[in-house]
């Protein structure tokens, strides 16, 4: 395994230098991108997998000098679940962590865009896979379609089969949101739950907290 000999800092430095999308002709991706987690993951019980850093800002979830919308929403949902979090350190100390599926932003007509399928497949396989193998979380919350598609890619690379009757092949969040999935990642049993992207415009925004509670119960958080 390529990432097995790397520590977390080395892995993140490699990710920040990555220009693989550019080499593959994926011109919509603005790479490389220097945004990375600010604290090393330790004793992570629940990992959130998000979409990608946004375009046209130097900040993201981990940078507390910014009024980051994703961080505000995730912290707000966890507050409703019963966790009072005021910093990334609080978030990490409570056993949480967050990683984007794609490490660099994508653009369409100069505007922020969700990563395309080729970007998700490439970045998840190159980087997210090794990050998850390093972290070894007990549970994973997939926030939205990009995270779900990245997870499907990783299932193929790990050669794991979801122990559930639900068909994940189409990558449709509405059909699988809230379903508890059991997978074996390398030598560890991991519980995964797909959920929605945390935007208050989503009519099922309130269900994200319910999915988190369900996963916490499953992993005895």
N, C-alpha and C. Protein backbone atom coordinates (compact mmCIF):
# COMPACT_ATOMS: atom_id res chain seq x y z
N UNK A 1 0.85 -1.20 0.00
CA UNK A 1 0.00 0.00 0.00
C UNK A 1 0.88 1.24 0.00
N UNK A 2 0.69 2.10 -0.96
CA UNK A 2 1.57 3.25 -1.14
C UNK A 2 1.62 4.15 0.07
N UNK A 3 0.46 4.38 0.72
CA UNK A 3 0.42 5.33 1.82
C UNK A 3 0.88 4.78 3.15
N UNK A 4 1.17 3.45 3.22
CA UNK A 4 1.44 2.83 4.51
C UNK A 4 2.72 3.33 5.15
N UNK A 5 3.70 3.77 4.36
CA UNK A 5 4.96 4.23 4.91
C UNK A 5 4.98 5.73 5.16
N UNK A 6 3.92 6.42 4.84
CA UNK A 6 3.85 7.86 5.01
C UNK A 6 3.17 8.22 6.32
N UNK A 7 3.68 9.27 6.98
CA UNK A 7 2.92 9.81 8.09
C UNK A 7 1.89 10.80 7.53
N UNK A 8 1.05 11.33 8.42
CA UNK A 8 -0.05 12.18 7.96
C UNK A 8 0.45 13.45 7.28
N UNK A 9 1.46 14.07 7.85
CA UNK A 9 1.99 15.30 7.26
C UNK A 9 2.54 15.05 5.86
N UNK A 10 3.27 13.97 5.69
CA UNK A 10 3.81 13.65 4.37
C UNK A 10 2.71 13.39 3.36
N UNK A 11 1.66 12.70 3.79
CA UNK A 11 0.54 12.43 2.90
C UNK A 11 -0.14 13.71 2.47
N UNK A 12 -0.37 14.63 3.41
CA UNK A 12 -1.02 15.88 3.08
C UNK A 12 -0.15 16.76 2.19
N UNK A 13 1.15 16.75 2.41
CA UNK A 13 2.05 17.53 1.55
C UNK A 13 2.01 16.99 0.12
N UNK A 14 1.94 15.68 -0.02
CA UNK A 14 1.84 15.09 -1.35
C UNK A 14 0.54 15.49 -2.03
N UNK A 15 -0.55 15.47 -1.28
CA UNK A 15 -1.84 15.86 -1.84
C UNK A 15 -1.82 17.32 -2.30
N UNK A 16 -1.21 18.18 -1.50
CA UNK A 16 -1.16 19.62 -1.84
C UNK A 16 -0.35 19.89 -3.10
N UNK A 17 0.55 19.00 -3.45
CA UNK A 17 1.36 19.17 -4.65
C UNK A 17 0.78 18.49 -5.88
N UNK A 18 -0.30 17.76 -5.70
CA UNK A 18 -0.83 16.92 -6.77
C UNK A 18 -1.36 17.74 -7.95
N UNK A 19 -0.95 17.37 -9.15
CA UNK A 19 -1.46 17.99 -10.39
C UNK A 19 -1.97 16.92 -11.35
N UNK A 20 -2.40 15.79 -10.79
CA UNK A 20 -2.82 14.67 -11.62
C UNK A 20 -4.01 15.02 -12.51
N UNK A 21 -4.94 15.80 -11.99
CA UNK A 21 -6.10 16.18 -12.81
C UNK A 21 -5.65 16.98 -14.04
N UNK A 22 -4.71 17.88 -13.83
CA UNK A 22 -4.18 18.67 -14.95
C UNK A 22 -3.51 17.74 -15.97
N UNK A 23 -2.72 16.78 -15.47
CA UNK A 23 -2.04 15.85 -16.37
C UNK A 23 -3.02 14.99 -17.15
N UNK A 24 -4.19 14.73 -16.54
CA UNK A 24 -5.22 13.92 -17.19
C UNK A 24 -6.12 14.75 -18.10
N UNK A 25 -5.83 16.05 -18.21
CA UNK A 25 -6.62 16.92 -19.08
C UNK A 25 -7.93 17.40 -18.49
N UNK A 26 -8.07 17.30 -17.19
CA UNK A 26 -9.29 17.74 -16.52
C UNK A 26 -9.14 19.23 -16.19
N UNK A 27 -9.32 20.06 -17.19
CA UNK A 27 -9.02 21.49 -17.08
C UNK A 27 -9.98 22.23 -16.16
N UNK A 28 -11.13 21.63 -15.84
CA UNK A 28 -12.09 22.32 -14.96
C UNK A 28 -11.61 22.32 -13.51
N UNK A 29 -10.61 21.50 -13.19
CA UNK A 29 -10.13 21.40 -11.81
C UNK A 29 -9.00 22.41 -11.59
N UNK A 30 -9.11 23.20 -10.52
CA UNK A 30 -8.09 24.20 -10.20
C UNK A 30 -7.07 23.58 -9.24
N UNK A 31 -6.06 22.92 -9.80
CA UNK A 31 -5.07 22.28 -8.96
C UNK A 31 -3.67 22.80 -9.30
N UNK A 32 -2.73 22.71 -8.35
CA UNK A 32 -2.90 22.15 -7.01
C UNK A 32 -3.59 23.12 -6.06
N UNK A 33 -4.04 22.60 -4.92
CA UNK A 33 -4.74 23.40 -3.93
C UNK A 33 -4.07 23.16 -2.58
N UNK A 34 -3.75 24.22 -1.87
CA UNK A 34 -2.96 24.09 -0.64
C UNK A 34 -3.79 23.88 0.62
N UNK A 35 -5.11 23.85 0.49
CA UNK A 35 -5.95 23.69 1.69
C UNK A 35 -5.92 22.25 2.17
N UNK A 36 -5.67 22.06 3.45
CA UNK A 36 -5.56 20.72 4.02
C UNK A 36 -5.97 20.77 5.48
N UNK A 37 -6.31 19.62 6.07
CA UNK A 37 -6.64 19.61 7.50
C UNK A 37 -5.50 20.19 8.34
N UNK A 38 -5.86 20.94 9.37
CA UNK A 38 -4.86 21.62 10.19
C UNK A 38 -4.36 20.77 11.35
N UNK A 39 -5.12 19.75 11.74
CA UNK A 39 -4.72 18.89 12.84
C UNK A 39 -4.69 17.44 12.36
N UNK A 40 -3.72 16.69 12.84
CA UNK A 40 -3.62 15.28 12.47
C UNK A 40 -4.76 14.49 13.11
N UNK A 41 -5.37 13.57 12.36
CA UNK A 41 -6.45 12.76 12.93
C UNK A 41 -5.92 11.73 13.92
N UNK A 42 -6.53 11.70 15.10
CA UNK A 42 -6.16 10.72 16.12
C UNK A 42 -7.42 10.24 16.81
N UNK A 43 -7.54 8.93 16.93
CA UNK A 43 -8.69 8.32 17.61
C UNK A 43 -10.02 8.79 17.01
N UNK A 44 -10.09 8.79 15.68
CA UNK A 44 -11.31 9.23 15.00
C UNK A 44 -12.35 8.12 15.05
N UNK A 45 -13.49 8.44 15.60
CA UNK A 45 -14.59 7.48 15.62
C UNK A 45 -15.55 7.71 14.45
N UNK A 46 -15.79 8.98 14.12
CA UNK A 46 -16.76 9.28 13.07
C UNK A 46 -16.14 10.26 12.07
N UNK A 47 -16.01 9.81 10.84
CA UNK A 47 -15.44 10.61 9.77
C UNK A 47 -16.54 11.12 8.86
N UNK A 48 -16.57 12.43 8.64
CA UNK A 48 -17.46 13.01 7.64
C UNK A 48 -16.69 13.12 6.31
N UNK A 49 -17.33 12.71 5.23
CA UNK A 49 -16.74 12.89 3.91
C UNK A 49 -17.60 13.89 3.15
N UNK A 50 -16.98 14.99 2.73
CA UNK A 50 -17.71 16.08 2.08
C UNK A 50 -17.44 16.06 0.58
N UNK A 51 -17.59 17.20 -0.06
CA UNK A 51 -17.53 17.29 -1.52
C UNK A 51 -16.14 17.72 -2.00
N UNK A 52 -15.85 19.01 -1.93
CA UNK A 52 -14.58 19.58 -2.38
C UNK A 52 -14.46 20.99 -1.82
N UNK A 53 -13.24 21.50 -1.68
CA UNK A 53 -13.11 22.91 -1.29
C UNK A 53 -13.77 23.81 -2.32
N UNK A 54 -14.31 24.94 -1.90
CA UNK A 54 -14.98 25.84 -2.83
C UNK A 54 -14.00 26.66 -3.66
N UNK A 55 -14.49 27.15 -4.77
CA UNK A 55 -13.69 28.00 -5.66
C UNK A 55 -13.63 29.43 -5.10
N UNK A 56 -12.57 30.15 -5.46
CA UNK A 56 -12.44 31.58 -5.19
C UNK A 56 -12.41 31.94 -3.70
N UNK A 57 -11.78 31.10 -2.91
CA UNK A 57 -11.51 31.44 -1.52
C UNK A 57 -10.29 30.66 -1.08
N UNK A 58 -9.53 31.23 -0.17
CA UNK A 58 -8.36 30.54 0.36
C UNK A 58 -8.71 29.69 1.57
N UNK A 59 -9.96 29.73 1.99
CA UNK A 59 -10.35 29.09 3.24
C UNK A 59 -11.22 27.87 2.98
N UNK A 60 -11.28 27.02 3.99
CA UNK A 60 -12.18 25.87 3.95
C UNK A 60 -12.49 25.48 5.38
N UNK A 61 -13.13 24.36 5.55
CA UNK A 61 -13.63 23.86 6.83
C UNK A 61 -12.64 24.04 7.97
N UNK A 62 -11.35 23.77 7.73
CA UNK A 62 -10.37 23.71 8.81
C UNK A 62 -9.85 25.08 9.25
N UNK A 63 -10.04 26.10 8.43
CA UNK A 63 -9.45 27.40 8.73
C UNK A 63 -10.43 28.25 9.53
N UNK A 64 -10.11 28.45 10.80
CA UNK A 64 -11.05 29.13 11.68
C UNK A 64 -11.02 30.64 11.56
N UNK A 65 -10.17 31.16 10.68
CA UNK A 65 -10.22 32.59 10.36
C UNK A 65 -11.33 32.91 9.37
N UNK A 66 -12.00 31.88 8.90
CA UNK A 66 -13.06 32.08 7.91
C UNK A 66 -14.42 31.73 8.52
N UNK A 67 -15.45 32.33 7.96
CA UNK A 67 -16.82 32.02 8.35
C UNK A 67 -17.32 30.94 7.39
N UNK A 68 -16.75 29.75 7.53
CA UNK A 68 -17.01 28.69 6.56
C UNK A 68 -18.41 28.10 6.73
N UNK A 69 -19.17 28.06 5.64
CA UNK A 69 -20.55 27.59 5.71
C UNK A 69 -20.65 26.11 6.06
N UNK A 70 -19.77 25.30 5.46
CA UNK A 70 -19.82 23.88 5.76
C UNK A 70 -19.54 23.62 7.23
N UNK A 71 -18.51 24.26 7.78
CA UNK A 71 -18.19 24.07 9.20
C UNK A 71 -19.35 24.53 10.07
N UNK A 72 -19.92 25.69 9.74
CA UNK A 72 -21.05 26.19 10.53
C UNK A 72 -22.21 25.22 10.53
N UNK A 73 -22.50 24.63 9.39
CA UNK A 73 -23.64 23.70 9.30
C UNK A 73 -23.36 22.40 10.02
N UNK A 74 -22.15 21.86 9.83
CA UNK A 74 -21.82 20.60 10.51
C UNK A 74 -21.80 20.80 12.02
N UNK A 75 -21.19 21.90 12.48
CA UNK A 75 -21.19 22.18 13.92
C UNK A 75 -22.62 22.39 14.44
N UNK A 76 -23.46 23.04 13.64
CA UNK A 76 -24.84 23.26 14.05
C UNK A 76 -25.62 21.96 14.17
N UNK A 77 -25.42 21.06 13.20
CA UNK A 77 -26.09 19.76 13.25
C UNK A 77 -25.61 18.97 14.47
N UNK A 78 -24.31 18.99 14.73
CA UNK A 78 -23.78 18.26 15.88
C UNK A 78 -24.23 18.90 17.20
N UNK A 79 -24.44 20.21 17.20
CA UNK A 79 -25.00 20.87 18.39
C UNK A 79 -26.38 20.30 18.68
N UNK A 80 -27.18 20.12 17.66
CA UNK A 80 -28.52 19.57 17.84
C UNK A 80 -28.47 18.11 18.30
N UNK A 81 -27.39 17.42 17.93
CA UNK A 81 -27.21 16.03 18.35
C UNK A 81 -26.72 15.97 19.80
N UNK A 82 -26.14 17.09 20.29
CA UNK A 82 -25.72 17.12 21.68
C UNK A 82 -24.27 17.47 21.92
N UNK A 83 -23.60 18.00 20.88
CA UNK A 83 -22.18 18.34 21.00
C UNK A 83 -21.98 19.84 20.85
N UNK A 84 -21.37 20.46 21.87
CA UNK A 84 -21.08 21.89 21.83
C UNK A 84 -19.65 22.05 21.34
N UNK A 85 -19.50 22.48 20.08
CA UNK A 85 -18.19 22.59 19.45
C UNK A 85 -17.93 24.04 19.07
N UNK A 86 -16.77 24.55 19.49
CA UNK A 86 -16.42 25.93 19.20
C UNK A 86 -15.16 26.07 18.36
N UNK A 87 -14.51 24.96 18.08
CA UNK A 87 -13.26 25.01 17.33
C UNK A 87 -13.02 23.67 16.64
N UNK A 88 -12.08 23.68 15.70
CA UNK A 88 -11.69 22.43 15.05
C UNK A 88 -11.09 21.48 16.08
N UNK A 89 -10.35 22.01 17.05
CA UNK A 89 -9.80 21.15 18.10
C UNK A 89 -10.91 20.47 18.88
N UNK A 90 -11.98 21.20 19.22
CA UNK A 90 -13.13 20.59 19.89
C UNK A 90 -13.70 19.46 19.03
N UNK A 91 -13.84 19.74 17.76
CA UNK A 91 -14.38 18.78 16.79
C UNK A 91 -13.53 17.51 16.78
N UNK A 92 -12.22 17.67 16.67
CA UNK A 92 -11.32 16.52 16.63
C UNK A 92 -11.27 15.79 17.98
N UNK A 93 -11.21 16.56 19.07
CA UNK A 93 -11.14 15.96 20.40
C UNK A 93 -12.37 15.13 20.72
N UNK A 94 -13.50 15.49 20.11
CA UNK A 94 -14.74 14.75 20.34
C UNK A 94 -14.80 13.45 19.54
N UNK A 95 -13.79 13.22 18.68
CA UNK A 95 -13.74 11.99 17.91
C UNK A 95 -14.22 12.14 16.48
N UNK A 96 -14.36 13.40 16.01
CA UNK A 96 -14.82 13.67 14.65
C UNK A 96 -13.65 14.08 13.75
N UNK A 97 -13.86 13.91 12.46
CA UNK A 97 -12.92 14.42 11.46
C UNK A 97 -13.68 14.62 10.16
N UNK A 98 -13.15 15.45 9.27
CA UNK A 98 -13.80 15.68 7.98
C UNK A 98 -12.76 15.72 6.87
N UNK A 99 -13.07 15.07 5.76
CA UNK A 99 -12.23 15.09 4.57
C UNK A 99 -13.09 15.33 3.34
N UNK A 100 -12.61 16.13 2.39
CA UNK A 100 -13.33 16.26 1.12
C UNK A 100 -13.01 15.08 0.21
N UNK A 101 -13.98 14.68 -0.60
CA UNK A 101 -13.75 13.61 -1.57
C UNK A 101 -12.73 14.05 -2.60
N UNK A 102 -12.94 15.22 -3.19
CA UNK A 102 -11.98 15.82 -4.13
C UNK A 102 -11.22 16.91 -3.40
N UNK A 103 -9.92 16.98 -3.61
CA UNK A 103 -9.08 17.88 -2.83
C UNK A 103 -8.95 19.27 -3.43
N UNK A 104 -9.38 19.45 -4.65
CA UNK A 104 -9.28 20.75 -5.32
C UNK A 104 -10.65 21.17 -5.84
N UNK A 105 -10.90 22.47 -5.98
CA UNK A 105 -12.20 22.93 -6.50
C UNK A 105 -12.32 22.71 -8.00
N UNK A 106 -13.56 22.64 -8.45
CA UNK A 106 -13.86 22.56 -9.88
C UNK A 106 -14.66 23.78 -10.28
N UNK A 107 -14.58 24.13 -11.55
CA UNK A 107 -15.28 25.33 -12.05
C UNK A 107 -16.02 25.01 -13.34
N UNK A 108 -17.16 25.65 -13.51
CA UNK A 108 -17.91 25.63 -14.77
C UNK A 108 -18.24 27.07 -15.11
N UNK A 109 -17.76 27.51 -16.27
CA UNK A 109 -17.98 28.91 -16.68
C UNK A 109 -17.49 29.90 -15.62
N UNK A 110 -16.37 29.55 -14.98
CA UNK A 110 -15.78 30.43 -13.98
C UNK A 110 -16.45 30.41 -12.63
N UNK A 111 -17.47 29.57 -12.46
CA UNK A 111 -18.20 29.49 -11.19
C UNK A 111 -17.94 28.17 -10.50
N UNK A 112 -18.08 28.16 -9.18
CA UNK A 112 -17.88 26.95 -8.41
C UNK A 112 -18.81 25.85 -8.89
N UNK A 113 -18.27 24.63 -8.97
CA UNK A 113 -19.06 23.51 -9.48
C UNK A 113 -18.73 22.25 -8.69
N UNK A 114 -19.70 21.34 -8.61
CA UNK A 114 -19.42 20.04 -8.00
C UNK A 114 -18.44 19.27 -8.88
N UNK A 115 -17.58 18.46 -8.29
CA UNK A 115 -16.63 17.68 -9.09
C UNK A 115 -17.35 16.73 -10.04
N UNK A 116 -16.78 16.56 -11.23
CA UNK A 116 -17.33 15.61 -12.18
C UNK A 116 -16.94 14.18 -11.83
N UNK A 117 -17.55 13.24 -12.52
CA UNK A 117 -17.32 11.83 -12.23
C UNK A 117 -15.86 11.41 -12.37
N UNK A 118 -15.18 11.88 -13.41
CA UNK A 118 -13.78 11.50 -13.60
C UNK A 118 -12.90 12.07 -12.49
N UNK A 119 -13.21 13.27 -12.06
CA UNK A 119 -12.45 13.89 -10.97
C UNK A 119 -12.64 13.10 -9.68
N UNK A 120 -13.88 12.75 -9.38
CA UNK A 120 -14.18 11.99 -8.17
C UNK A 120 -13.44 10.66 -8.18
N UNK A 121 -13.53 9.95 -9.28
CA UNK A 121 -12.89 8.64 -9.40
C UNK A 121 -11.39 8.74 -9.21
N UNK A 122 -10.77 9.74 -9.84
CA UNK A 122 -9.32 9.90 -9.77
C UNK A 122 -8.87 10.30 -8.38
N UNK A 123 -9.49 11.32 -7.82
CA UNK A 123 -9.02 11.86 -6.54
C UNK A 123 -9.32 10.91 -5.38
N UNK A 124 -10.49 10.28 -5.41
CA UNK A 124 -10.81 9.32 -4.35
C UNK A 124 -9.83 8.16 -4.36
N UNK A 125 -9.52 7.68 -5.56
CA UNK A 125 -8.61 6.56 -5.67
C UNK A 125 -7.19 6.89 -5.28
N UNK A 126 -6.74 8.10 -5.61
CA UNK A 126 -5.37 8.50 -5.31
C UNK A 126 -5.18 8.92 -3.86
N UNK A 127 -6.13 9.67 -3.32
CA UNK A 127 -5.91 10.35 -2.05
C UNK A 127 -6.87 9.95 -0.93
N UNK A 128 -8.16 10.03 -1.17
CA UNK A 128 -9.13 9.73 -0.10
C UNK A 128 -8.94 8.30 0.41
N UNK A 129 -8.66 7.39 -0.47
CA UNK A 129 -8.44 5.99 -0.08
C UNK A 129 -7.34 5.89 0.97
N UNK A 130 -6.21 6.52 0.72
CA UNK A 130 -5.09 6.41 1.66
C UNK A 130 -5.39 7.15 2.96
N UNK A 131 -6.12 8.26 2.87
CA UNK A 131 -6.47 8.99 4.10
C UNK A 131 -7.36 8.14 5.00
N UNK A 132 -8.35 7.48 4.41
CA UNK A 132 -9.26 6.64 5.22
C UNK A 132 -8.50 5.45 5.80
N UNK A 133 -7.62 4.86 5.00
CA UNK A 133 -6.81 3.75 5.50
C UNK A 133 -5.91 4.19 6.66
N UNK A 134 -5.44 5.41 6.60
CA UNK A 134 -4.61 5.95 7.68
C UNK A 134 -5.45 6.20 8.93
N UNK A 135 -6.62 6.80 8.76
CA UNK A 135 -7.45 7.21 9.89
C UNK A 135 -8.09 6.01 10.58
N UNK A 136 -8.58 5.04 9.80
CA UNK A 136 -9.27 3.86 10.34
C UNK A 136 -10.46 4.27 11.24
N UNK A 137 -11.41 5.02 10.71
CA UNK A 137 -12.56 5.43 11.53
C UNK A 137 -13.47 4.25 11.84
N UNK A 138 -14.27 4.39 12.89
CA UNK A 138 -15.29 3.39 13.19
C UNK A 138 -16.50 3.56 12.28
N UNK A 139 -16.82 4.82 11.96
CA UNK A 139 -17.98 5.10 11.12
C UNK A 139 -17.70 6.24 10.16
N UNK A 140 -18.44 6.25 9.06
CA UNK A 140 -18.29 7.29 8.04
C UNK A 140 -19.66 7.81 7.64
N UNK A 141 -19.81 9.14 7.65
CA UNK A 141 -21.01 9.80 7.13
C UNK A 141 -20.68 10.39 5.77
N UNK A 142 -21.39 9.95 4.75
CA UNK A 142 -21.18 10.46 3.39
C UNK A 142 -22.14 11.63 3.16
N UNK A 143 -21.58 12.83 3.04
CA UNK A 143 -22.41 14.03 2.90
C UNK A 143 -22.64 14.33 1.42
N UNK A 144 -23.72 13.84 0.87
CA UNK A 144 -24.10 14.18 -0.50
C UNK A 144 -23.61 13.22 -1.56
N UNK A 145 -23.95 13.55 -2.81
CA UNK A 145 -23.72 12.65 -3.94
C UNK A 145 -22.24 12.46 -4.25
N UNK A 146 -21.45 13.53 -4.19
CA UNK A 146 -20.03 13.40 -4.47
C UNK A 146 -19.38 12.40 -3.53
N UNK A 147 -19.68 12.50 -2.24
CA UNK A 147 -19.12 11.57 -1.26
C UNK A 147 -19.59 10.14 -1.53
N UNK A 148 -20.85 9.98 -1.90
CA UNK A 148 -21.37 8.65 -2.21
C UNK A 148 -20.66 8.04 -3.42
N UNK A 149 -20.47 8.84 -4.47
CA UNK A 149 -19.77 8.34 -5.65
C UNK A 149 -18.31 7.99 -5.34
N UNK A 150 -17.67 8.81 -4.51
CA UNK A 150 -16.31 8.50 -4.10
C UNK A 150 -16.24 7.20 -3.31
N UNK A 151 -17.22 6.98 -2.45
CA UNK A 151 -17.28 5.76 -1.66
C UNK A 151 -17.46 4.53 -2.56
N UNK A 152 -18.29 4.65 -3.57
CA UNK A 152 -18.49 3.55 -4.51
C UNK A 152 -17.19 3.21 -5.22
N UNK A 153 -16.43 4.23 -5.59
CA UNK A 153 -15.13 4.01 -6.22
C UNK A 153 -14.21 3.25 -5.27
N UNK A 154 -14.21 3.64 -4.00
CA UNK A 154 -13.33 3.00 -3.04
C UNK A 154 -13.75 1.55 -2.76
N UNK A 155 -15.05 1.30 -2.78
CA UNK A 155 -15.52 -0.08 -2.60
C UNK A 155 -14.92 -0.98 -3.68
N UNK A 156 -14.84 -0.48 -4.91
CA UNK A 156 -14.24 -1.26 -5.99
C UNK A 156 -12.75 -1.48 -5.75
N UNK A 157 -12.06 -0.44 -5.30
CA UNK A 157 -10.62 -0.56 -5.08
C UNK A 157 -10.29 -1.47 -3.91
N UNK A 158 -11.13 -1.43 -2.87
CA UNK A 158 -10.92 -2.30 -1.71
C UNK A 158 -11.48 -3.70 -1.95
N UNK A 159 -12.22 -3.85 -3.05
CA UNK A 159 -12.88 -5.11 -3.36
C UNK A 159 -13.79 -5.54 -2.21
N UNK A 160 -14.58 -4.57 -1.73
CA UNK A 160 -15.51 -4.88 -0.65
C UNK A 160 -16.93 -4.85 -1.20
N UNK A 161 -17.78 -5.59 -0.55
CA UNK A 161 -19.18 -5.64 -0.93
C UNK A 161 -20.01 -5.13 0.23
N UNK A 162 -20.92 -4.24 -0.06
CA UNK A 162 -21.79 -3.70 0.98
C UNK A 162 -22.74 -4.79 1.44
N UNK A 163 -22.77 -5.04 2.73
CA UNK A 163 -23.63 -6.09 3.29
C UNK A 163 -25.04 -5.54 3.48
N UNK A 164 -25.70 -5.32 2.38
CA UNK A 164 -27.02 -4.71 2.41
C UNK A 164 -27.69 -4.99 1.07
N UNK A 165 -29.00 -5.08 1.09
CA UNK A 165 -29.72 -5.40 -0.16
C UNK A 165 -29.90 -4.20 -1.06
N UNK A 166 -29.59 -3.01 -0.57
CA UNK A 166 -29.81 -1.81 -1.36
C UNK A 166 -28.82 -1.73 -2.52
N UNK A 167 -29.30 -1.26 -3.66
CA UNK A 167 -28.46 -1.10 -4.85
C UNK A 167 -27.83 0.29 -4.82
N UNK A 168 -26.51 0.35 -4.70
CA UNK A 168 -25.80 1.63 -4.68
C UNK A 168 -25.30 2.03 -6.06
N UNK A 169 -25.55 1.21 -7.06
CA UNK A 169 -24.92 1.39 -8.36
C UNK A 169 -25.18 2.71 -9.02
N UNK A 170 -26.34 3.30 -8.82
CA UNK A 170 -26.67 4.55 -9.50
C UNK A 170 -26.19 5.78 -8.75
N UNK A 171 -25.76 5.58 -7.52
CA UNK A 171 -25.24 6.71 -6.75
C UNK A 171 -26.28 7.78 -6.47
N UNK A 172 -27.53 7.36 -6.26
CA UNK A 172 -28.62 8.30 -6.00
C UNK A 172 -28.82 8.42 -4.49
N UNK A 173 -28.52 9.59 -3.95
CA UNK A 173 -28.55 9.77 -2.50
C UNK A 173 -29.94 9.53 -1.93
N UNK A 174 -30.97 10.04 -2.58
CA UNK A 174 -32.32 9.94 -2.03
C UNK A 174 -32.76 8.49 -1.84
N UNK A 175 -32.19 7.56 -2.61
CA UNK A 175 -32.58 6.16 -2.51
C UNK A 175 -31.86 5.42 -1.40
N UNK A 176 -30.73 5.96 -0.93
CA UNK A 176 -29.94 5.23 0.06
C UNK A 176 -29.70 6.02 1.34
N UNK A 177 -30.10 7.27 1.40
CA UNK A 177 -29.85 8.09 2.59
C UNK A 177 -30.46 7.44 3.82
N UNK A 178 -29.65 7.36 4.86
CA UNK A 178 -30.11 6.79 6.12
C UNK A 178 -29.96 5.29 6.23
N UNK A 179 -29.48 4.63 5.17
CA UNK A 179 -29.27 3.19 5.23
C UNK A 179 -27.92 2.89 5.87
N UNK A 180 -27.91 2.00 6.83
CA UNK A 180 -26.68 1.62 7.51
C UNK A 180 -25.99 0.54 6.69
N UNK A 181 -24.75 0.82 6.28
CA UNK A 181 -23.99 -0.09 5.44
C UNK A 181 -22.77 -0.60 6.20
N UNK A 182 -22.52 -1.88 6.11
CA UNK A 182 -21.38 -2.49 6.79
C UNK A 182 -20.34 -2.90 5.75
N UNK A 183 -19.13 -2.42 5.91
CA UNK A 183 -18.06 -2.78 4.98
C UNK A 183 -16.81 -3.15 5.77
N UNK A 184 -15.91 -3.87 5.12
CA UNK A 184 -14.62 -4.18 5.72
C UNK A 184 -13.55 -3.48 4.91
N UNK A 185 -12.88 -2.52 5.53
CA UNK A 185 -11.82 -1.75 4.87
C UNK A 185 -10.50 -2.27 5.40
N UNK A 186 -9.76 -2.95 4.53
CA UNK A 186 -8.54 -3.65 4.94
C UNK A 186 -8.91 -4.63 6.06
N UNK A 187 -8.39 -4.42 7.27
CA UNK A 187 -8.67 -5.38 8.34
C UNK A 187 -9.68 -4.86 9.35
N UNK A 188 -10.41 -3.80 8.99
CA UNK A 188 -11.32 -3.18 9.97
C UNK A 188 -12.75 -3.14 9.46
N UNK A 189 -13.69 -3.49 10.33
CA UNK A 189 -15.11 -3.35 10.03
C UNK A 189 -15.52 -1.90 10.25
N UNK A 190 -16.15 -1.31 9.25
CA UNK A 190 -16.53 0.10 9.29
C UNK A 190 -18.01 0.21 8.93
N UNK A 191 -18.70 1.06 9.67
CA UNK A 191 -20.11 1.32 9.40
C UNK A 191 -20.25 2.64 8.66
N UNK A 192 -21.00 2.62 7.58
CA UNK A 192 -21.13 3.79 6.71
C UNK A 192 -22.60 4.14 6.56
N UNK A 193 -22.89 5.44 6.56
CA UNK A 193 -24.26 5.87 6.31
C UNK A 193 -24.25 7.03 5.30
N UNK A 194 -24.92 6.88 4.17
CA UNK A 194 -25.07 8.01 3.24
C UNK A 194 -26.10 9.01 3.78
N UNK A 195 -25.83 10.28 3.58
CA UNK A 195 -26.77 11.32 3.97
C UNK A 195 -26.75 12.42 2.92
N UNK A 196 -27.43 13.52 3.22
CA UNK A 196 -27.58 14.61 2.26
C UNK A 196 -26.48 15.66 2.46
N UNK A 197 -26.30 16.45 1.41
CA UNK A 197 -25.38 17.58 1.53
C UNK A 197 -26.00 18.61 2.48
N UNK A 198 -25.23 19.13 3.45
CA UNK A 198 -25.81 20.01 4.47
C UNK A 198 -26.05 21.44 4.00
N UNK A 199 -27.08 21.62 3.23
CA UNK A 199 -27.55 22.96 2.89
C UNK A 199 -28.97 23.10 3.39
N UNK A 200 -29.27 24.22 4.02
CA UNK A 200 -30.60 24.40 4.60
C UNK A 200 -31.69 24.48 3.54
N UNK A 201 -31.27 24.65 2.29
CA UNK A 201 -32.27 24.66 1.21
C UNK A 201 -32.83 23.26 0.93
N UNK A 202 -32.10 22.25 1.38
CA UNK A 202 -32.55 20.89 1.14
C UNK A 202 -33.75 20.57 2.04
N UNK A 203 -34.80 20.08 1.44
CA UNK A 203 -36.03 19.84 2.22
C UNK A 203 -35.86 18.75 3.27
N UNK A 204 -34.81 17.94 3.16
CA UNK A 204 -34.57 16.89 4.14
C UNK A 204 -33.34 17.19 5.00
N UNK A 205 -33.01 18.45 5.11
CA UNK A 205 -31.85 18.87 5.90
C UNK A 205 -31.93 18.30 7.33
N UNK A 206 -33.12 18.30 7.90
CA UNK A 206 -33.29 17.85 9.28
C UNK A 206 -32.94 16.38 9.47
N UNK A 207 -32.96 15.62 8.38
CA UNK A 207 -32.69 14.18 8.49
C UNK A 207 -31.20 13.88 8.67
N UNK A 208 -30.33 14.84 8.35
CA UNK A 208 -28.90 14.59 8.48
C UNK A 208 -28.55 14.27 9.94
N UNK A 209 -29.08 15.05 10.87
CA UNK A 209 -28.84 14.79 12.29
C UNK A 209 -29.38 13.43 12.71
N UNK A 210 -30.52 13.04 12.15
CA UNK A 210 -31.08 11.72 12.47
C UNK A 210 -30.15 10.61 11.98
N UNK A 211 -29.56 10.81 10.81
CA UNK A 211 -28.63 9.82 10.28
C UNK A 211 -27.37 9.72 11.15
N UNK A 212 -26.89 10.87 11.62
CA UNK A 212 -25.71 10.87 12.49
C UNK A 212 -26.01 10.14 13.79
N UNK A 213 -27.16 10.39 14.38
CA UNK A 213 -27.54 9.69 15.61
C UNK A 213 -27.61 8.19 15.38
N UNK A 214 -28.17 7.80 14.26
CA UNK A 214 -28.29 6.38 13.94
C UNK A 214 -26.91 5.73 13.83
N UNK A 215 -25.99 6.40 13.15
CA UNK A 215 -24.65 5.87 13.02
C UNK A 215 -23.94 5.81 14.37
N UNK A 216 -24.12 6.85 15.17
CA UNK A 216 -23.50 6.84 16.50
C UNK A 216 -23.97 5.66 17.33
N UNK A 217 -25.26 5.35 17.24
CA UNK A 217 -25.79 4.19 17.96
C UNK A 217 -25.16 2.90 17.45
N UNK A 218 -24.98 2.81 16.16
CA UNK A 218 -24.42 1.60 15.56
C UNK A 218 -22.97 1.37 15.98
N UNK A 219 -22.19 2.44 16.12
CA UNK A 219 -20.77 2.28 16.47
C UNK A 219 -20.51 2.50 17.96
N UNK A 220 -21.61 2.67 18.74
CA UNK A 220 -21.50 2.87 20.19
C UNK A 220 -20.63 4.07 20.51
N UNK A 221 -20.93 5.18 19.83
CA UNK A 221 -20.17 6.43 20.00
C UNK A 221 -20.46 7.00 21.38
